[in-house]
C-alpha atoms as a PDB file:
ATOM      1  CA  UNK A   1       0.000   0.000   0.000  1.00  0.00           C
ATOM      2  CA  UNK A   2       2.885   2.387   0.659  1.00  0.00           C
ATOM      3  CA  UNK A   3       4.165   1.971  -2.911  1.00  0.00           C
ATOM      4  CA  UNK A   4       0.781   3.078  -4.222  1.00  0.00           C
ATOM      5  CA  UNK A   5       0.819   6.116  -1.933  1.00  0.00           C
ATOM      6  CA  UNK A   6       4.335   6.991  -3.071  1.00  0.00           C
ATOM      7  CA  UNK A   7       3.318   6.715  -6.725  1.00  0.00           C
ATOM      8  CA  UNK A   8       0.230   8.886  -6.143  1.00  0.00           C
ATOM      9  CA  UNK A   9       2.341  11.480  -4.318  1.00  0.00           C
ATOM     10  CA  UNK A  10       4.827  11.609  -7.195  1.00  0.00           C
ATOM     11  CA  UNK A  11       2.015  11.999  -9.738  1.00  0.00           C
ATOM     12  CA  UNK A  12       0.331  14.718  -7.677  1.00  0.00           C
ATOM     13  CA  UNK A  13       3.624  16.550  -7.359  1.00  0.00           C
ATOM     14  CA  UNK A  14       4.369  16.222 -11.079  1.00  0.00           C
ATOM     15  CA  UNK A  15       0.955  17.440 -12.174  1.00  0.00           C
ATOM     16  CA  UNK A  16       0.769  20.095  -9.478  1.00  0.00           C
ATOM     17  CA  UNK A  17       4.115  21.692 -10.330  1.00  0.00           C
ATOM     18  CA  UNK A  18       3.716  21.677 -14.116  1.00  0.00           C
ATOM     19  CA  UNK A  19       1.239  24.589 -14.326  1.00  0.00           C
ATOM     20  CA  UNK A  20       3.498  26.702 -12.120  1.00  0.00           C
ATOM     21  CA  UNK A  21       6.310  26.265 -14.637  1.00  0.00           C
ATOM     22  CA  UNK A  22       4.181  27.125 -17.672  1.00  0.00           C
ATOM     23  CA  UNK A  23       5.090  30.833 -17.744  1.00  0.00           C
ATOM     24  CA  UNK A  24       8.580  32.208 -17.467  1.00  0.00           C
ATOM     25  CA  UNK A  25       9.750  34.908 -15.087  1.00  0.00           C
ATOM     26  CA  UNK A  26      10.504  37.293 -17.945  1.00  0.00           C
ATOM     27  CA  UNK A  27       8.764  40.652 -18.032  1.00  0.00           C
ATOM     28  CA  UNK A  28       6.078  40.893 -20.730  1.00  0.00           C
ATOM     29  CA  UNK A  29       7.026  42.131 -24.185  1.00  0.00           C
ATOM     30  CA  UNK A  30       6.733  45.949 -24.477  1.00  0.00           C
ATOM     31  CA  UNK A  31       3.615  45.928 -26.674  1.00  0.00           C
ATOM     32  CA  UNK A  32       1.960  42.911 -25.012  1.00  0.00           C
ATOM     33  CA  UNK A  33      -0.277  45.177 -22.928  1.00  0.00           C
ATOM     34  CA  UNK A  34       0.581  48.644 -24.250  1.00  0.00           C
ATOM     35  CA  UNK A  35      -1.416  50.093 -27.135  1.00  0.00           C
ATOM     36  CA  UNK A  36       0.060  51.917 -30.105  1.00  0.00           C
ATOM     37  CA  UNK A  37       0.038  55.724 -29.986  1.00  0.00           C
ATOM     38  CA  UNK A  38      -1.731  56.022 -33.361  1.00  0.00           C
ATOM     39  CA  UNK A  39      -5.438  55.053 -32.916  1.00  0.00           C
ATOM     40  CA  UNK A  40      -5.792  53.968 -36.564  1.00  0.00           C
ATOM     41  CA  UNK A  41      -2.820  51.596 -36.306  1.00  0.00           C
ATOM     42  CA  UNK A  42      -4.064  50.264 -32.961  1.00  0.00           C
ATOM     43  CA  UNK A  43      -7.484  49.608 -34.534  1.00  0.00           C
ATOM     44  CA  UNK A  44      -5.848  47.576 -37.345  1.00  0.00           C
ATOM     45  CA  UNK A  45      -3.748  45.681 -34.805  1.00  0.00           C
ATOM     46  CA  UNK A  46      -6.762  44.970 -32.573  1.00  0.00           C
ATOM     47  CA  UNK A  47      -8.811  43.727 -35.515  1.00  0.00           C
ATOM     48  CA  UNK A  48      -6.009  41.369 -36.559  1.00  0.00           C
ATOM     49  CA  UNK A  49      -5.404  40.161 -32.997  1.00  0.00           C
ATOM     50  CA  UNK A  50      -9.086  39.223 -32.713  1.00  0.00           C
ATOM     51  CA  UNK A  51      -8.688  36.987 -35.788  1.00  0.00           C
ATOM     52  CA  UNK A  52      -5.674  35.072 -34.457  1.00  0.00           C
ATOM     53  CA  UNK A  53      -6.017  32.099 -32.120  1.00  0.00           C
ATOM     54  CA  UNK A  54      -3.936  31.804 -28.955  1.00  0.00           C
ATOM     55  CA  UNK A  55      -1.732  28.746 -29.312  1.00  0.00           C
ATOM     56  CA  UNK A  56      -1.781  28.093 -25.574  1.00  0.00           C
ATOM     57  CA  UNK A  57      -5.443  28.729 -24.707  1.00  0.00           C
ATOM     58  CA  UNK A  58      -6.753  27.362 -28.021  1.00  0.00           C
ATOM     59  CA  UNK A  59     -10.218  28.762 -27.459  1.00  0.00           C
ATOM     60  CA  UNK A  60      -9.352  32.440 -27.207  1.00  0.00           C
ATOM     61  CA  UNK A  61      -7.938  34.994 -29.572  1.00  0.00           C
ATOM     62  CA  UNK A  62      -4.562  36.543 -28.771  1.00  0.00           C
ATOM     63  CA  UNK A  63      -6.477  39.752 -28.076  1.00  0.00           C
ATOM     64  CA  UNK A  64      -8.407  38.112 -25.213  1.00  0.00           C
ATOM     65  CA  UNK A  65      -5.776  35.743 -23.826  1.00  0.00           C
ATOM     66  CA  UNK A  66      -3.483  36.452 -20.889  1.00  0.00           C
ATOM     67  CA  UNK A  67      -1.026  33.691 -21.823  1.00  0.00           C
ATOM     68  CA  UNK A  68       2.585  34.747 -22.183  1.00  0.00           C
ATOM     69  CA  UNK A  69       2.757  33.532 -25.776  1.00  0.00           C
ATOM     70  CA  UNK A  70      -0.359  35.541 -26.667  1.00  0.00           C
ATOM     71  CA  UNK A  71       1.382  38.619 -25.228  1.00  0.00           C
ATOM     72  CA  UNK A  72       4.422  37.899 -27.394  1.00  0.00           C
ATOM     73  CA  UNK A  73       2.183  37.547 -30.449  1.00  0.00           C
ATOM     74  CA  UNK A  74       0.367  40.830 -29.599  1.00  0.00           C
ATOM     75  CA  UNK A  75       3.768  42.510 -29.359  1.00  0.00           C
ATOM     76  CA  UNK A  76       4.758  41.074 -32.748  1.00  0.00           C
ATOM     77  CA  UNK A  77       1.505  42.262 -34.371  1.00  0.00           C
ATOM     78  CA  UNK A  78       1.744  45.767 -32.908  1.00  0.00           C
ATOM     79  CA  UNK A  79       5.440  46.113 -33.758  1.00  0.00           C
ATOM     80  CA  UNK A  80       4.867  45.117 -37.372  1.00  0.00           C
ATOM     81  CA  UNK A  81       1.768  47.325 -37.718  1.00  0.00           C
ATOM     82  CA  UNK A  82       3.800  50.226 -36.280  1.00  0.00           C
ATOM     83  CA  UNK A  83       6.495  49.507 -38.892  1.00  0.00           C
ATOM     84  CA  UNK A  84       3.876  49.820 -41.649  1.00  0.00           C
ATOM     85  CA  UNK A  85       3.369  46.149 -42.503  1.00  0.00           C
ATOM     86  CA  UNK A  86      -0.085  45.151 -43.717  1.00  0.00           C
ATOM     87  CA  UNK A  87      -2.334  42.926 -41.568  1.00  0.00           C
ATOM     88  CA  UNK A  88      -2.537  40.384 -44.423  1.00  0.00           C
ATOM     89  CA  UNK A  89       1.241  40.085 -44.559  1.00  0.00           C
ATOM     90  CA  UNK A  90       1.441  39.657 -40.772  1.00  0.00           C
ATOM     91  CA  UNK A  91      -1.325  37.013 -40.863  1.00  0.00           C
ATOM     92  CA  UNK A  92       0.517  35.160 -43.632  1.00  0.00           C
ATOM     93  CA  UNK A  93       3.749  35.261 -41.617  1.00  0.00           C
ATOM     94  CA  UNK A  94       2.027  33.807 -38.548  1.00  0.00           C
ATOM     95  CA  UNK A  95       0.257  31.126 -40.599  1.00  0.00           C
ATOM     96  CA  UNK A  96       3.552  30.149 -42.215  1.00  0.00           C
ATOM     97  CA  UNK A  97       5.192  30.022 -38.797  1.00  0.00           C
ATOM     98  CA  UNK A  98       2.462  28.289 -36.746  1.00  0.00           C
ATOM     99  CA  UNK A  99       0.201  26.685 -39.363  1.00  0.00           C
ATOM    100  CA  UNK A 100      -3.338  27.423 -40.556  1.00  0.00           C
ATOM    101  CA  UNK A 101      -4.720  26.611 -37.123  1.00  0.00           C
ATOM    102  CA  UNK A 102      -3.530  29.986 -35.748  1.00  0.00           C
ATOM    103  CA  UNK A 103      -6.121  31.818 -37.849  1.00  0.00           C
ATOM    104  CA  UNK A 104      -9.851  31.789 -37.165  1.00  0.00           C
ATOM    105  CA  UNK A 105     -10.229  32.297 -40.935  1.00  0.00           C
ATOM    106  CA  UNK A 106      -7.914  29.662 -42.438  1.00  0.00           C
ATOM    107  CA  UNK A 107      -7.105  29.974 -46.107  1.00  0.00           C
ATOM    108  CA  UNK A 108      -8.190  27.247 -48.514  1.00  0.00           C
ATOM    109  CA  UNK A 109      -5.226  25.002 -49.282  1.00  0.00           C
ATOM    110  CA  UNK A 110      -4.279  21.338 -49.282  1.00  0.00           C
ATOM    111  CA  UNK A 111      -4.228  21.126 -45.476  1.00  0.00           C
ATOM    112  CA  UNK A 112      -7.597  22.823 -44.902  1.00  0.00           C
ATOM    113  CA  UNK A 113      -9.520  21.403 -47.872  1.00  0.00           C
ATOM    114  CA  UNK A 114     -11.434  18.918 -45.703  1.00  0.00           C
ATOM    115  CA  UNK A 115     -12.242  21.648 -43.186  1.00  0.00           C
ATOM    116  CA  UNK A 116     -13.859  23.749 -45.903  1.00  0.00           C
ATOM    117  CA  UNK A 117     -15.556  20.913 -47.828  1.00  0.00           C
ATOM    118  CA  UNK A 118     -16.890  18.827 -44.907  1.00  0.00           C
ATOM    119  CA  UNK A 119     -19.906  21.107 -44.249  1.00  0.00           C
ATOM    120  CA  UNK A 120     -20.842  21.007 -47.941  1.00  0.00           C
ATOM    121  CA  UNK A 121     -20.504  17.222 -48.036  1.00  0.00           C
ATOM    122  CA  UNK A 122     -22.633  16.846 -44.899  1.00  0.00           C
ATOM    123  CA  UNK A 123     -25.266  19.204 -46.319  1.00  0.00           C
ATOM    124  CA  UNK A 124     -25.362  17.235 -49.581  1.00  0.00           C
ATOM    125  CA  UNK A 125     -25.697  13.969 -47.649  1.00  0.00           C
ATOM    126  CA  UNK A 126     -28.535  15.450 -45.588  1.00  0.00           C
ATOM    127  CA  UNK A 127     -30.383  16.638 -48.708  1.00  0.00           C
ATOM    128  CA  UNK A 128     -29.881  13.215 -50.317  1.00  0.00           C
ATOM    129  CA  UNK A 129     -31.321  11.443 -47.256  1.00  0.00           C
ATOM    130  CA  UNK A 130     -34.343  13.775 -47.064  1.00  0.00           C
ATOM    131  CA  UNK A 131     -35.090  13.372 -50.775  1.00  0.00           C
ATOM    132  CA  UNK A 132     -34.705   9.617 -50.528  1.00  0.00           C
ATOM    133  CA  UNK A 133     -36.971   9.490 -47.464  1.00  0.00           C
ATOM    134  CA  UNK A 134     -39.638  11.558 -49.226  1.00  0.00           C
ATOM    135  CA  UNK A 135     -39.552   9.252 -52.269  1.00  0.00           C
ATOM    136  CA  UNK A 136     -40.023   6.180 -50.058  1.00  0.00           C
ATOM    137  CA  UNK A 137     -43.123   7.727 -48.431  1.00  0.00           C
ATOM    138  CA  UNK A 138     -44.823   8.325 -51.773  1.00  0.00           C
END
């Protein structure tokens, strides 16, 4: 019985400490929580940040997330917007770096073809089944 208790204690310690080590002790990136001085540029940055998924939280945009990586991505977006880069170019850079999953609006390509075509296939199957069911009733 003591071996089981020891194993449970080790597991509890391992899983209990892991979340505490998730973030580093570094200070946040300069533009992680600081807005740009130009309201028009900040509006473009905010709009883009709302369209990008946090890679840590997975259910939130980088605009809404408090994860350290989301702060780094907000800093990257604001820095590049401040430098005059277009939101489309920044989005493309992040998609190339992290994959199509980072965008809430993934582009149509080989990797996302099923994602875009599955709803159409399911709709077609549903229409087929309804039509077939109606023919059987007649």
